[in-house]
Amino acid sequence: MNSLRTILRPGVSRSALLIALGIALCGCDQLQGKDRYEIKQDSAGRTIRLDKQTGEIAVLEGEKLTPIREEADHKATEQRRVAAEAAAQSKLESLTLPITRPPKILQPIGVKNATMYTMWRDGKLYFKLGMHPAPKPSARSWGLGLTRFRIVFTDLAGFNVVDEPIPIASIVSVVDDSGKAGDVNVNWYVPLSQQAYESISDWTITWLQ
């Protein structure tokens, strides 16, 4: 800057002024040219380009130039995606493990102890139900391969998630040594979405109405 002030003083020749401007322009061109960038390798063996003028660092792969910040954002996005997929897979695997639901006393149908195990897989709710003693018989015959009972699963708000009649084929009566019917077991499944299964908080067995 001082040199330019000197050049611009009165009495400086036009030729000297042109020479000074030429030197200044050459300096600017030099900043914009090949000396502006420094190419080297980082500790990971990647080719790195440093912009001496802006301070920007970018990864050079062939003809592709990726700023470090953009690369970091891409890696962070990919890591989040992988983590989300892993979490979803872990959740799916956990749903296939049997859950022991709280046992119940079903007084209306004469059951003193009812146990329930559930699991979810491939879009279906699987459940195993045990009732002791066997439920009271019903005076009403339903036919059509159905029992006189219905299984009900509800969410936290008390809304029905599942409400289905239990088919006869899914029921097994357990008899004692004397041949007398004692406990009743149910092993069945119903189609149900993952979201609906995860919303289940309670269950019961009732008569068909």
N, C-alpha and C. Protein backbone atom coordinates (compact mmCIF):
# COMPACT_ATOMS: atom_id res chain seq x y z
N MET A 1 0.84 -1.20 0.00
CA MET A 1 0.00 0.00 0.00
C MET A 1 0.87 1.25 0.00
N ASN A 2 1.95 1.23 0.81
CA ASN A 2 2.87 2.36 0.87
C ASN A 2 3.56 2.59 -0.46
N SER A 3 3.85 1.43 -1.14
CA SER A 3 4.53 1.56 -2.46
C SER A 3 3.62 2.23 -3.45
N LEU A 4 2.29 1.93 -3.37
CA LEU A 4 1.35 2.54 -4.30
C LEU A 4 1.23 4.05 -4.01
N ARG A 5 1.24 4.38 -2.73
CA ARG A 5 1.18 5.81 -2.40
C ARG A 5 2.41 6.54 -2.95
N THR A 6 3.53 5.85 -2.86
CA THR A 6 4.76 6.45 -3.40
C THR A 6 4.67 6.65 -4.89
N ILE A 7 4.13 5.62 -5.56
CA ILE A 7 4.01 5.68 -7.02
C ILE A 7 3.05 6.78 -7.43
N LEU A 8 1.99 6.95 -6.64
CA LEU A 8 0.95 7.93 -7.01
C LEU A 8 1.34 9.37 -6.66
N ARG A 9 2.52 9.56 -6.09
CA ARG A 9 2.94 10.92 -5.80
C ARG A 9 3.13 11.72 -7.08
N PRO A 10 2.94 12.99 -7.01
CA PRO A 10 3.16 13.84 -8.20
C PRO A 10 4.59 13.68 -8.71
N GLY A 11 4.70 13.58 -9.98
CA GLY A 11 6.01 13.47 -10.59
C GLY A 11 6.39 12.06 -10.99
N VAL A 12 5.60 11.10 -10.54
CA VAL A 12 5.90 9.71 -10.93
C VAL A 12 5.45 9.53 -12.36
N SER A 13 6.29 8.89 -13.16
CA SER A 13 6.00 8.74 -14.60
C SER A 13 4.90 7.72 -14.82
N ARG A 14 4.28 7.86 -15.98
CA ARG A 14 3.20 6.92 -16.34
C ARG A 14 3.73 5.52 -16.48
N SER A 15 4.91 5.35 -16.99
CA SER A 15 5.49 4.03 -17.18
C SER A 15 5.74 3.34 -15.85
N ALA A 16 6.19 4.10 -14.85
CA ALA A 16 6.42 3.53 -13.52
C ALA A 16 5.10 3.06 -12.90
N LEU A 17 4.03 3.86 -13.15
CA LEU A 17 2.72 3.50 -12.62
C LEU A 17 2.23 2.20 -13.24
N LEU A 18 2.41 2.04 -14.54
CA LEU A 18 1.97 0.82 -15.22
C LEU A 18 2.73 -0.40 -14.72
N ILE A 19 4.03 -0.21 -14.47
CA ILE A 19 4.85 -1.32 -13.97
C ILE A 19 4.35 -1.76 -12.59
N ALA A 20 4.05 -0.76 -11.74
CA ALA A 20 3.57 -1.08 -10.39
C ALA A 20 2.24 -1.82 -10.42
N LEU A 21 1.34 -1.36 -11.29
CA LEU A 21 0.05 -2.03 -11.42
C LEU A 21 0.20 -3.44 -11.94
N GLY A 22 1.13 -3.61 -12.85
CA GLY A 22 1.38 -4.94 -13.40
C GLY A 22 1.86 -5.90 -12.32
N ILE A 23 2.75 -5.40 -11.45
CA ILE A 23 3.24 -6.24 -10.35
C ILE A 23 2.10 -6.62 -9.41
N ALA A 24 1.24 -5.65 -9.12
CA ALA A 24 0.11 -5.92 -8.23
C ALA A 24 -0.83 -6.96 -8.82
N LEU A 25 -1.10 -6.83 -10.14
CA LEU A 25 -1.98 -7.79 -10.81
C LEU A 25 -1.37 -9.17 -10.83
N CYS A 26 -0.07 -9.23 -11.02
CA CYS A 26 0.61 -10.52 -11.02
C CYS A 26 0.46 -11.19 -9.65
N GLY A 27 0.55 -10.35 -8.59
CA GLY A 27 0.38 -10.89 -7.24
C GLY A 27 -1.00 -11.46 -7.04
N CYS A 28 -2.04 -10.76 -7.55
CA CYS A 28 -3.42 -11.26 -7.44
C CYS A 28 -3.59 -12.54 -8.22
N ASP A 29 -3.03 -12.57 -9.44
CA ASP A 29 -3.12 -13.77 -10.26
C ASP A 29 -2.45 -14.95 -9.58
N GLN A 30 -1.38 -14.65 -8.86
CA GLN A 30 -0.65 -15.73 -8.20
C GLN A 30 -1.51 -16.34 -7.08
N LEU A 31 -2.28 -15.48 -6.38
CA LEU A 31 -3.17 -15.99 -5.35
C LEU A 31 -4.28 -16.85 -5.94
N GLN A 32 -4.72 -16.49 -7.17
CA GLN A 32 -5.81 -17.23 -7.81
C GLN A 32 -5.30 -18.44 -8.57
N GLY A 33 -4.02 -18.56 -8.78
CA GLY A 33 -3.47 -19.63 -9.61
C GLY A 33 -3.11 -20.86 -8.81
N LYS A 34 -2.14 -21.60 -9.33
CA LYS A 34 -1.80 -22.89 -8.75
C LYS A 34 -1.23 -22.78 -7.35
N ASP A 35 -0.62 -21.65 -7.02
CA ASP A 35 -0.04 -21.49 -5.69
C ASP A 35 -1.10 -21.27 -4.61
N ARG A 36 -2.33 -21.11 -5.05
CA ARG A 36 -3.41 -20.90 -4.08
C ARG A 36 -3.73 -22.18 -3.31
N TYR A 37 -3.49 -23.34 -3.93
CA TYR A 37 -3.87 -24.61 -3.33
C TYR A 37 -2.65 -25.43 -2.93
N GLU A 38 -2.83 -26.19 -1.86
CA GLU A 38 -1.79 -27.11 -1.42
C GLU A 38 -2.40 -28.51 -1.36
N ILE A 39 -1.75 -29.46 -2.05
CA ILE A 39 -2.24 -30.83 -2.10
C ILE A 39 -1.35 -31.70 -1.21
N LYS A 40 -1.98 -32.47 -0.32
CA LYS A 40 -1.21 -33.37 0.54
C LYS A 40 -2.12 -34.51 0.99
N GLN A 41 -1.55 -35.43 1.77
CA GLN A 41 -2.31 -36.56 2.29
C GLN A 41 -2.52 -36.40 3.79
N ASP A 42 -3.71 -36.84 4.25
CA ASP A 42 -3.95 -36.78 5.69
C ASP A 42 -3.55 -38.10 6.33
N SER A 43 -3.80 -38.23 7.63
CA SER A 43 -3.39 -39.43 8.36
C SER A 43 -4.11 -40.69 7.90
N ALA A 44 -5.27 -40.50 7.26
CA ALA A 44 -6.03 -41.65 6.76
C ALA A 44 -5.62 -42.03 5.34
N GLY A 45 -4.64 -41.31 4.79
CA GLY A 45 -4.18 -41.62 3.44
C GLY A 45 -5.00 -40.99 2.34
N ARG A 46 -5.93 -40.10 2.69
CA ARG A 46 -6.75 -39.43 1.68
C ARG A 46 -5.99 -38.24 1.11
N THR A 47 -6.31 -37.91 -0.14
CA THR A 47 -5.71 -36.73 -0.77
C THR A 47 -6.53 -35.51 -0.38
N ILE A 48 -5.86 -34.53 0.23
CA ILE A 48 -6.53 -33.34 0.76
C ILE A 48 -6.05 -32.11 0.00
N ARG A 49 -6.98 -31.22 -0.35
CA ARG A 49 -6.63 -29.96 -0.99
C ARG A 49 -6.96 -28.81 -0.05
N LEU A 50 -5.94 -28.00 0.26
CA LEU A 50 -6.12 -26.83 1.12
C LEU A 50 -6.15 -25.58 0.26
N ASP A 51 -7.20 -24.81 0.42
CA ASP A 51 -7.31 -23.51 -0.24
C ASP A 51 -6.67 -22.48 0.69
N LYS A 52 -5.47 -21.98 0.29
CA LYS A 52 -4.72 -21.05 1.14
C LYS A 52 -5.44 -19.71 1.29
N GLN A 53 -6.28 -19.40 0.32
CA GLN A 53 -6.96 -18.10 0.36
C GLN A 53 -8.17 -18.12 1.28
N THR A 54 -8.98 -19.21 1.21
CA THR A 54 -10.21 -19.28 2.01
C THR A 54 -10.07 -20.16 3.24
N GLY A 55 -9.02 -21.02 3.24
CA GLY A 55 -8.85 -21.95 4.35
C GLY A 55 -9.69 -23.20 4.22
N GLU A 56 -10.44 -23.33 3.11
CA GLU A 56 -11.30 -24.48 2.93
C GLU A 56 -10.47 -25.73 2.66
N ILE A 57 -10.87 -26.86 3.29
CA ILE A 57 -10.20 -28.14 3.09
C ILE A 57 -11.20 -29.08 2.43
N ALA A 58 -10.75 -29.77 1.39
CA ALA A 58 -11.63 -30.67 0.66
C ALA A 58 -10.89 -31.97 0.35
N VAL A 59 -11.65 -33.06 0.24
CA VAL A 59 -11.10 -34.36 -0.11
C VAL A 59 -11.15 -34.51 -1.62
N LEU A 60 -10.03 -34.90 -2.23
CA LEU A 60 -9.93 -35.04 -3.67
C LEU A 60 -9.90 -36.52 -4.02
N GLU A 61 -10.92 -36.96 -4.78
CA GLU A 61 -11.01 -38.34 -5.24
C GLU A 61 -11.21 -38.32 -6.75
N GLY A 62 -10.13 -38.61 -7.50
CA GLY A 62 -10.21 -38.50 -8.94
C GLY A 62 -10.46 -37.07 -9.33
N GLU A 63 -11.60 -36.84 -10.01
CA GLU A 63 -11.98 -35.47 -10.39
C GLU A 63 -13.01 -34.89 -9.44
N LYS A 64 -13.41 -35.68 -8.45
CA LYS A 64 -14.44 -35.24 -7.50
C LYS A 64 -13.80 -34.56 -6.31
N LEU A 65 -14.33 -33.40 -5.94
CA LEU A 65 -13.82 -32.63 -4.82
C LEU A 65 -14.95 -32.46 -3.80
N THR A 66 -14.76 -33.01 -2.59
CA THR A 66 -15.81 -32.95 -1.57
C THR A 66 -15.32 -32.17 -0.36
N PRO A 67 -15.94 -31.00 -0.06
CA PRO A 67 -15.55 -30.24 1.13
C PRO A 67 -15.67 -31.10 2.38
N ILE A 68 -14.75 -30.91 3.32
CA ILE A 68 -14.74 -31.71 4.54
C ILE A 68 -16.06 -31.62 5.29
N ARG A 69 -16.66 -30.42 5.36
CA ARG A 69 -17.92 -30.26 6.08
C ARG A 69 -19.03 -31.08 5.41
N GLU A 70 -19.08 -31.01 4.09
CA GLU A 70 -20.10 -31.78 3.37
C GLU A 70 -19.90 -33.27 3.58
N GLU A 71 -18.64 -33.70 3.56
CA GLU A 71 -18.34 -35.11 3.78
C GLU A 71 -18.75 -35.53 5.19
N ALA A 72 -18.47 -34.65 6.18
CA ALA A 72 -18.85 -34.96 7.56
C ALA A 72 -20.36 -35.06 7.71
N ASP A 73 -21.09 -34.14 7.04
CA ASP A 73 -22.55 -34.18 7.10
C ASP A 73 -23.08 -35.48 6.49
N HIS A 74 -22.46 -35.88 5.37
CA HIS A 74 -22.88 -37.12 4.71
C HIS A 74 -22.64 -38.32 5.61
N LYS A 75 -21.47 -38.34 6.26
CA LYS A 75 -21.16 -39.45 7.17
C LYS A 75 -22.11 -39.48 8.34
N ALA A 76 -22.44 -38.31 8.89
CA ALA A 76 -23.36 -38.24 10.02
C ALA A 76 -24.74 -38.74 9.62
N THR A 77 -25.19 -38.36 8.42
CA THR A 77 -26.49 -38.82 7.93
C THR A 77 -26.50 -40.33 7.75
N GLU A 78 -25.43 -40.85 7.20
CA GLU A 78 -25.32 -42.29 6.98
C GLU A 78 -25.29 -43.04 8.32
N GLN A 79 -24.57 -42.48 9.30
CA GLN A 79 -24.52 -43.11 10.61
C GLN A 79 -25.88 -43.12 11.28
N ARG A 80 -26.64 -42.02 11.11
CA ARG A 80 -27.99 -41.98 11.68
C ARG A 80 -28.90 -43.00 11.00
N ARG A 81 -28.74 -43.14 9.69
CA ARG A 81 -29.56 -44.12 8.95
C ARG A 81 -29.26 -45.53 9.42
N VAL A 82 -27.97 -45.85 9.53
CA VAL A 82 -27.57 -47.19 9.97
C VAL A 82 -28.06 -47.46 11.39
N ALA A 83 -27.94 -46.44 12.27
CA ALA A 83 -28.39 -46.59 13.65
C ALA A 83 -29.90 -46.81 13.72
N ALA A 84 -30.65 -46.08 12.88
CA ALA A 84 -32.11 -46.22 12.87
C ALA A 84 -32.51 -47.61 12.38
N GLU A 85 -31.82 -48.11 11.35
CA GLU A 85 -32.11 -49.45 10.84
C GLU A 85 -31.79 -50.51 11.89
N ALA A 86 -30.67 -50.32 12.59
CA ALA A 86 -30.29 -51.28 13.62
C ALA A 86 -31.30 -51.28 14.76
N ALA A 87 -31.79 -50.08 15.13
CA ALA A 87 -32.78 -49.98 16.21
C ALA A 87 -34.09 -50.65 15.80
N ALA A 88 -34.49 -50.43 14.54
CA ALA A 88 -35.73 -51.04 14.04
C ALA A 88 -35.62 -52.56 14.02
N GLN A 89 -34.45 -53.06 13.59
CA GLN A 89 -34.23 -54.50 13.56
C GLN A 89 -34.21 -55.08 14.96
N SER A 90 -33.60 -54.37 15.88
CA SER A 90 -33.55 -54.82 17.27
C SER A 90 -34.96 -54.88 17.87
N LYS A 91 -35.78 -53.88 17.52
CA LYS A 91 -37.15 -53.87 18.01
C LYS A 91 -37.94 -55.06 17.46
N LEU A 92 -37.76 -55.33 16.15
CA LEU A 92 -38.45 -56.47 15.55
C LEU A 92 -38.07 -57.77 16.24
N GLU A 93 -36.78 -57.91 16.52
CA GLU A 93 -36.31 -59.13 17.18
C GLU A 93 -36.88 -59.24 18.59
N SER A 94 -36.98 -58.11 19.28
CA SER A 94 -37.52 -58.14 20.64
C SER A 94 -38.99 -58.52 20.65
N LEU A 95 -39.74 -58.15 19.59
CA LEU A 95 -41.16 -58.47 19.53
C LEU A 95 -41.41 -59.96 19.36
N THR A 96 -40.41 -60.67 18.82
CA THR A 96 -40.57 -62.12 18.63
C THR A 96 -40.33 -62.89 19.93
N LEU A 97 -39.90 -62.19 20.97
CA LEU A 97 -39.71 -62.85 22.27
C LEU A 97 -41.03 -62.86 23.04
N PRO A 98 -41.40 -63.98 23.62
CA PRO A 98 -42.68 -64.05 24.34
C PRO A 98 -42.74 -63.06 25.50
N ILE A 99 -43.87 -62.41 25.64
CA ILE A 99 -44.13 -61.49 26.75
C ILE A 99 -45.14 -62.14 27.68
N THR A 100 -44.83 -62.14 28.97
CA THR A 100 -45.77 -62.66 29.96
C THR A 100 -46.68 -61.53 30.41
N ARG A 101 -47.94 -61.64 30.06
CA ARG A 101 -48.91 -60.62 30.46
C ARG A 101 -49.39 -60.90 31.89
N PRO A 102 -49.85 -59.86 32.60
CA PRO A 102 -50.33 -60.07 33.98
C PRO A 102 -51.46 -61.10 34.03
N PRO A 103 -51.38 -62.07 34.95
CA PRO A 103 -52.46 -63.07 35.07
C PRO A 103 -53.74 -62.42 35.55
N LYS A 104 -54.84 -63.13 35.32
CA LYS A 104 -56.15 -62.56 35.66
C LYS A 104 -57.05 -63.58 36.32
N ILE A 105 -58.00 -63.06 37.09
CA ILE A 105 -59.13 -63.85 37.57
C ILE A 105 -60.33 -63.45 36.73
N LEU A 106 -60.89 -64.42 36.01
CA LEU A 106 -62.02 -64.13 35.12
C LEU A 106 -63.30 -64.68 35.75
N GLN A 107 -63.78 -63.98 36.74
CA GLN A 107 -64.94 -64.44 37.51
C GLN A 107 -66.18 -64.70 36.66
N PRO A 108 -66.50 -63.83 35.70
CA PRO A 108 -67.73 -64.04 34.93
C PRO A 108 -67.80 -65.39 34.23
N ILE A 109 -66.64 -65.97 33.87
CA ILE A 109 -66.66 -67.27 33.18
C ILE A 109 -66.10 -68.38 34.08
N GLY A 110 -65.92 -68.07 35.38
CA GLY A 110 -65.53 -69.09 36.34
C GLY A 110 -64.07 -69.51 36.31
N VAL A 111 -63.19 -68.65 35.83
CA VAL A 111 -61.76 -68.98 35.77
C VAL A 111 -61.05 -68.27 36.92
N LYS A 112 -60.36 -69.06 37.77
CA LYS A 112 -59.68 -68.49 38.93
C LYS A 112 -58.27 -68.00 38.60
N ASN A 113 -57.69 -68.56 37.57
CA ASN A 113 -56.34 -68.14 37.19
C ASN A 113 -56.17 -68.27 35.68
N ALA A 114 -55.99 -67.14 35.01
CA ALA A 114 -55.79 -67.13 33.55
C ALA A 114 -54.43 -66.51 33.25
N THR A 115 -53.64 -67.22 32.48
CA THR A 115 -52.31 -66.73 32.11
C THR A 115 -52.25 -66.44 30.61
N MET A 116 -51.41 -65.46 30.24
CA MET A 116 -51.34 -65.05 28.84
C MET A 116 -49.90 -64.77 28.43
N TYR A 117 -49.48 -65.34 27.31
CA TYR A 117 -48.17 -65.06 26.70
C TYR A 117 -48.41 -64.61 25.27
N THR A 118 -47.74 -63.55 24.88
CA THR A 118 -47.91 -63.06 23.50
C THR A 118 -46.55 -62.82 22.84
N MET A 119 -46.57 -62.82 21.51
CA MET A 119 -45.41 -62.42 20.72
C MET A 119 -45.93 -61.94 19.36
N TRP A 120 -45.09 -61.22 18.64
CA TRP A 120 -45.49 -60.70 17.32
C TRP A 120 -44.46 -61.09 16.28
N ARG A 121 -44.92 -61.56 15.12
CA ARG A 121 -43.99 -61.92 14.05
C ARG A 121 -44.75 -61.95 12.72
N ASP A 122 -44.11 -61.38 11.70
CA ASP A 122 -44.65 -61.44 10.33
C ASP A 122 -46.10 -60.95 10.25
N GLY A 123 -46.40 -59.86 10.95
CA GLY A 123 -47.73 -59.27 10.86
C GLY A 123 -48.81 -60.03 11.60
N LYS A 124 -48.43 -60.83 12.58
CA LYS A 124 -49.42 -61.61 13.34
C LYS A 124 -49.12 -61.53 14.84
N LEU A 125 -50.19 -61.46 15.62
CA LEU A 125 -50.12 -61.57 17.07
C LEU A 125 -50.35 -63.04 17.44
N TYR A 126 -49.35 -63.65 18.05
CA TYR A 126 -49.48 -65.03 18.53
C TYR A 126 -49.71 -64.98 20.04
N PHE A 127 -50.62 -65.81 20.53
CA PHE A 127 -50.82 -65.84 21.97
C PHE A 127 -51.11 -67.25 22.47
N LYS A 128 -50.68 -67.49 23.71
CA LYS A 128 -50.97 -68.75 24.40
C LYS A 128 -51.70 -68.39 25.69
N LEU A 129 -52.86 -68.96 25.84
CA LEU A 129 -53.73 -68.66 26.97
C LEU A 129 -53.95 -69.92 27.78
N GLY A 130 -53.81 -69.82 29.09
CA GLY A 130 -54.13 -70.94 29.98
C GLY A 130 -55.21 -70.54 30.96
N MET A 131 -56.22 -71.40 31.14
CA MET A 131 -57.32 -71.08 32.06
C MET A 131 -57.52 -72.23 33.05
N HIS A 132 -57.55 -71.87 34.33
CA HIS A 132 -57.74 -72.86 35.39
C HIS A 132 -58.76 -72.31 36.39
N PRO A 133 -59.79 -73.10 36.73
CA PRO A 133 -60.18 -74.34 36.03
C PRO A 133 -60.80 -74.01 34.68
N ALA A 134 -61.30 -75.04 34.00
CA ALA A 134 -61.94 -74.81 32.71
C ALA A 134 -63.11 -73.85 32.86
N PRO A 135 -63.33 -72.97 31.88
CA PRO A 135 -64.44 -72.01 31.97
C PRO A 135 -65.79 -72.71 32.10
N LYS A 136 -66.74 -72.02 32.70
CA LYS A 136 -68.09 -72.58 32.86
C LYS A 136 -68.71 -72.81 31.48
N PRO A 137 -69.47 -73.87 31.34
CA PRO A 137 -70.13 -74.12 30.06
C PRO A 137 -71.21 -73.06 29.80
N SER A 138 -71.49 -72.87 28.54
CA SER A 138 -72.51 -71.89 28.16
C SER A 138 -73.74 -72.61 27.65
N ALA A 139 -74.90 -72.07 27.96
CA ALA A 139 -76.15 -72.69 27.50
C ALA A 139 -76.39 -72.40 26.02
N ARG A 140 -75.61 -71.50 25.49
CA ARG A 140 -75.82 -71.10 24.11
C ARG A 140 -74.83 -71.80 23.19
N SER A 141 -75.29 -72.36 22.11
CA SER A 141 -74.42 -73.04 21.16
C SER A 141 -74.17 -72.11 19.98
N TRP A 142 -72.89 -72.00 19.61
CA TRP A 142 -72.54 -71.05 18.57
C TRP A 142 -72.33 -71.69 17.21
N GLY A 143 -71.81 -72.90 17.20
CA GLY A 143 -71.60 -73.56 15.90
C GLY A 143 -70.55 -72.83 15.08
N LEU A 144 -70.51 -73.14 13.82
CA LEU A 144 -69.61 -72.50 12.86
C LEU A 144 -68.14 -72.62 13.27
N GLY A 145 -67.83 -73.63 14.06
CA GLY A 145 -66.45 -73.85 14.46
C GLY A 145 -65.93 -72.87 15.49
N LEU A 146 -66.82 -72.13 16.14
CA LEU A 146 -66.39 -71.14 17.12
C LEU A 146 -66.72 -71.62 18.53
N THR A 147 -65.92 -71.17 19.48
CA THR A 147 -66.22 -71.44 20.88
C THR A 147 -67.20 -70.39 21.38
N ARG A 148 -67.50 -70.45 22.66
CA ARG A 148 -68.39 -69.45 23.25
C ARG A 148 -67.62 -68.26 23.81
N PHE A 149 -66.31 -68.20 23.54
CA PHE A 149 -65.47 -67.14 24.11
C PHE A 149 -64.92 -66.21 23.04
N ARG A 150 -64.58 -65.02 23.48
CA ARG A 150 -63.88 -64.09 22.60
C ARG A 150 -62.68 -63.52 23.33
N ILE A 151 -61.59 -63.33 22.59
CA ILE A 151 -60.36 -62.75 23.14
C ILE A 151 -60.35 -61.26 22.84
N VAL A 152 -60.02 -60.46 23.85
CA VAL A 152 -60.00 -59.01 23.68
C VAL A 152 -58.67 -58.47 24.20
N PHE A 153 -57.97 -57.71 23.35
CA PHE A 153 -56.76 -56.98 23.76
C PHE A 153 -57.07 -55.49 23.63
N THR A 154 -56.68 -54.72 24.63
CA THR A 154 -56.98 -53.28 24.63
C THR A 154 -55.71 -52.45 24.79
N ASP A 155 -55.80 -51.17 24.41
CA ASP A 155 -54.67 -50.26 24.59
C ASP A 155 -54.82 -49.50 25.91
N LEU A 156 -53.91 -48.57 26.15
CA LEU A 156 -53.92 -47.83 27.41
C LEU A 156 -55.20 -47.05 27.65
N ALA A 157 -55.81 -46.60 26.54
CA ALA A 157 -57.05 -45.82 26.66
C ALA A 157 -58.28 -46.70 26.81
N GLY A 158 -58.09 -48.03 26.75
CA GLY A 158 -59.22 -48.93 26.90
C GLY A 158 -59.91 -49.29 25.60
N PHE A 159 -59.37 -48.82 24.46
CA PHE A 159 -59.97 -49.16 23.16
C PHE A 159 -59.52 -50.56 22.73
N ASN A 160 -60.42 -51.27 22.06
CA ASN A 160 -60.10 -52.62 21.61
C ASN A 160 -59.10 -52.60 20.46
N VAL A 161 -58.01 -53.32 20.64
CA VAL A 161 -57.04 -53.51 19.56
C VAL A 161 -57.36 -54.80 18.82
N VAL A 162 -57.77 -55.81 19.59
CA VAL A 162 -58.21 -57.10 19.03
C VAL A 162 -59.50 -57.49 19.74
N ASP A 163 -60.48 -57.94 18.98
CA ASP A 163 -61.73 -58.45 19.54
C ASP A 163 -62.20 -59.55 18.59
N GLU A 164 -61.87 -60.80 18.92
CA GLU A 164 -62.12 -61.91 18.00
C GLU A 164 -62.69 -63.11 18.73
N PRO A 165 -63.65 -63.81 18.11
CA PRO A 165 -64.11 -65.09 18.68
C PRO A 165 -63.01 -66.14 18.54
N ILE A 166 -62.89 -66.99 19.55
CA ILE A 166 -61.83 -68.01 19.54
C ILE A 166 -62.35 -69.27 18.85
N PRO A 167 -61.64 -69.76 17.82
CA PRO A 167 -62.09 -70.97 17.14
C PRO A 167 -61.88 -72.23 17.99
N ILE A 168 -62.74 -73.20 17.80
CA ILE A 168 -62.66 -74.44 18.57
C ILE A 168 -61.34 -75.15 18.33
N ALA A 169 -60.82 -75.08 17.11
CA ALA A 169 -59.59 -75.80 16.76
C ALA A 169 -58.38 -75.33 17.55
N SER A 170 -58.45 -74.13 18.12
CA SER A 170 -57.31 -73.59 18.85
C SER A 170 -57.31 -73.96 20.33
N ILE A 171 -58.36 -74.66 20.80
CA ILE A 171 -58.52 -74.96 22.22
C ILE A 171 -58.14 -76.41 22.52
N VAL A 172 -57.36 -76.57 23.57
CA VAL A 172 -56.98 -77.90 24.04
C VAL A 172 -57.40 -78.04 25.49
N SER A 173 -58.18 -79.09 25.78
CA SER A 173 -58.60 -79.37 27.16
C SER A 173 -57.59 -80.31 27.80
N VAL A 174 -57.19 -79.98 29.02
CA VAL A 174 -56.24 -80.81 29.76
C VAL A 174 -57.02 -81.62 30.79
N VAL A 175 -56.86 -82.94 30.72
CA VAL A 175 -57.59 -83.81 31.65
C VAL A 175 -56.63 -84.35 32.70
N ASP A 176 -57.17 -84.65 33.86
CA ASP A 176 -56.34 -85.22 34.93
C ASP A 176 -56.26 -86.73 34.79
N ASP A 177 -55.65 -87.38 35.78
CA ASP A 177 -55.45 -88.83 35.72
C ASP A 177 -56.76 -89.60 35.71
N SER A 178 -57.81 -89.00 36.24
CA SER A 178 -59.10 -89.67 36.26
C SER A 178 -59.91 -89.43 34.99
N GLY A 179 -59.33 -88.64 34.08
CA GLY A 179 -60.03 -88.36 32.84
C GLY A 179 -60.96 -87.17 32.91
N LYS A 180 -60.92 -86.48 34.05
CA LYS A 180 -61.78 -85.32 34.22
C LYS A 180 -61.12 -84.08 33.63
N ALA A 181 -61.88 -83.31 32.86
CA ALA A 181 -61.34 -82.09 32.24
C ALA A 181 -60.98 -81.09 33.32
N GLY A 182 -59.78 -80.54 33.19
CA GLY A 182 -59.35 -79.55 34.17
C GLY A 182 -59.06 -78.21 33.51
N ASP A 183 -57.79 -77.96 33.18
CA ASP A 183 -57.41 -76.69 32.56
C ASP A 183 -57.78 -76.67 31.07
N VAL A 184 -57.84 -75.46 30.56
CA VAL A 184 -58.06 -75.26 29.12
C VAL A 184 -56.95 -74.34 28.60
N ASN A 185 -56.32 -74.75 27.51
CA ASN A 185 -55.26 -73.95 26.87
C ASN A 185 -55.70 -73.51 25.48
N VAL A 186 -55.30 -72.32 25.12
CA VAL A 186 -55.58 -71.78 23.78
C VAL A 186 -54.26 -71.37 23.14
N ASN A 187 -54.01 -71.83 21.93
CA ASN A 187 -52.81 -71.44 21.18
C ASN A 187 -53.28 -70.98 19.80
N TRP A 188 -53.20 -69.66 19.55
CA TRP A 188 -53.82 -69.12 18.33
C TRP A 188 -53.09 -67.87 17.89
N TYR A 189 -53.46 -67.34 16.74
CA TYR A 189 -52.89 -66.06 16.28
C TYR A 189 -53.94 -65.29 15.49
N VAL A 190 -53.77 -63.98 15.44
CA VAL A 190 -54.65 -63.12 14.64
C VAL A 190 -53.77 -62.12 13.86
N PRO A 191 -54.15 -61.75 12.64
CA PRO A 191 -53.39 -60.72 11.91
C PRO A 191 -53.40 -59.40 12.67
N LEU A 192 -52.24 -58.76 12.79
CA LEU A 192 -52.16 -57.51 13.53
C LEU A 192 -50.89 -56.78 13.14
N SER A 193 -50.99 -55.46 12.99
CA SER A 193 -49.81 -54.67 12.63
C SER A 193 -48.87 -54.54 13.83
N GLN A 194 -47.62 -54.21 13.53
CA GLN A 194 -46.63 -54.02 14.60
C GLN A 194 -47.05 -52.89 15.53
N GLN A 195 -47.50 -51.79 14.94
CA GLN A 195 -47.91 -50.63 15.75
C GLN A 195 -49.05 -50.99 16.69
N ALA A 196 -50.03 -51.75 16.19
CA ALA A 196 -51.17 -52.15 17.02
C ALA A 196 -50.71 -53.08 18.14
N TYR A 197 -49.79 -53.99 17.82
CA TYR A 197 -49.29 -54.91 18.84
C TYR A 197 -48.59 -54.16 19.96
N GLU A 198 -47.79 -53.17 19.58
CA GLU A 198 -47.04 -52.40 20.58
C GLU A 198 -47.95 -51.55 21.46
N SER A 199 -49.17 -51.31 20.99
CA SER A 199 -50.10 -50.49 21.78
C SER A 199 -50.87 -51.29 22.82
N ILE A 200 -50.76 -52.63 22.77
CA ILE A 200 -51.52 -53.48 23.70
C ILE A 200 -51.02 -53.29 25.13
N SER A 201 -51.97 -53.09 26.04
CA SER A 201 -51.60 -52.95 27.46
C SER A 201 -52.41 -53.88 28.36
N ASP A 202 -53.50 -54.44 27.86
CA ASP A 202 -54.33 -55.30 28.71
C ASP A 202 -55.06 -56.33 27.85
N TRP A 203 -55.66 -57.31 28.50
CA TRP A 203 -56.38 -58.36 27.78
C TRP A 203 -57.46 -58.94 28.68
N THR A 204 -58.40 -59.66 28.07
CA THR A 204 -59.42 -60.37 28.85
C THR A 204 -60.10 -61.41 27.95
N ILE A 205 -60.83 -62.30 28.56
CA ILE A 205 -61.66 -63.28 27.86
C ILE A 205 -63.11 -63.06 28.30
N THR A 206 -64.01 -62.96 27.36
CA THR A 206 -65.41 -62.75 27.70
C THR A 206 -66.27 -63.72 26.90
N TRP A 207 -67.56 -63.75 27.26
CA TRP A 207 -68.51 -64.53 26.49
C TRP A 207 -68.78 -63.83 25.15
N LEU A 208 -69.09 -64.60 24.16
CA LEU A 208 -69.60 -64.02 22.93
C LEU A 208 -70.99 -63.45 23.22
N GLN A 209 -71.26 -62.29 22.68
CA GLN A 209 -72.57 -61.65 22.92
C GLN A 209 -73.51 -61.91 21.75
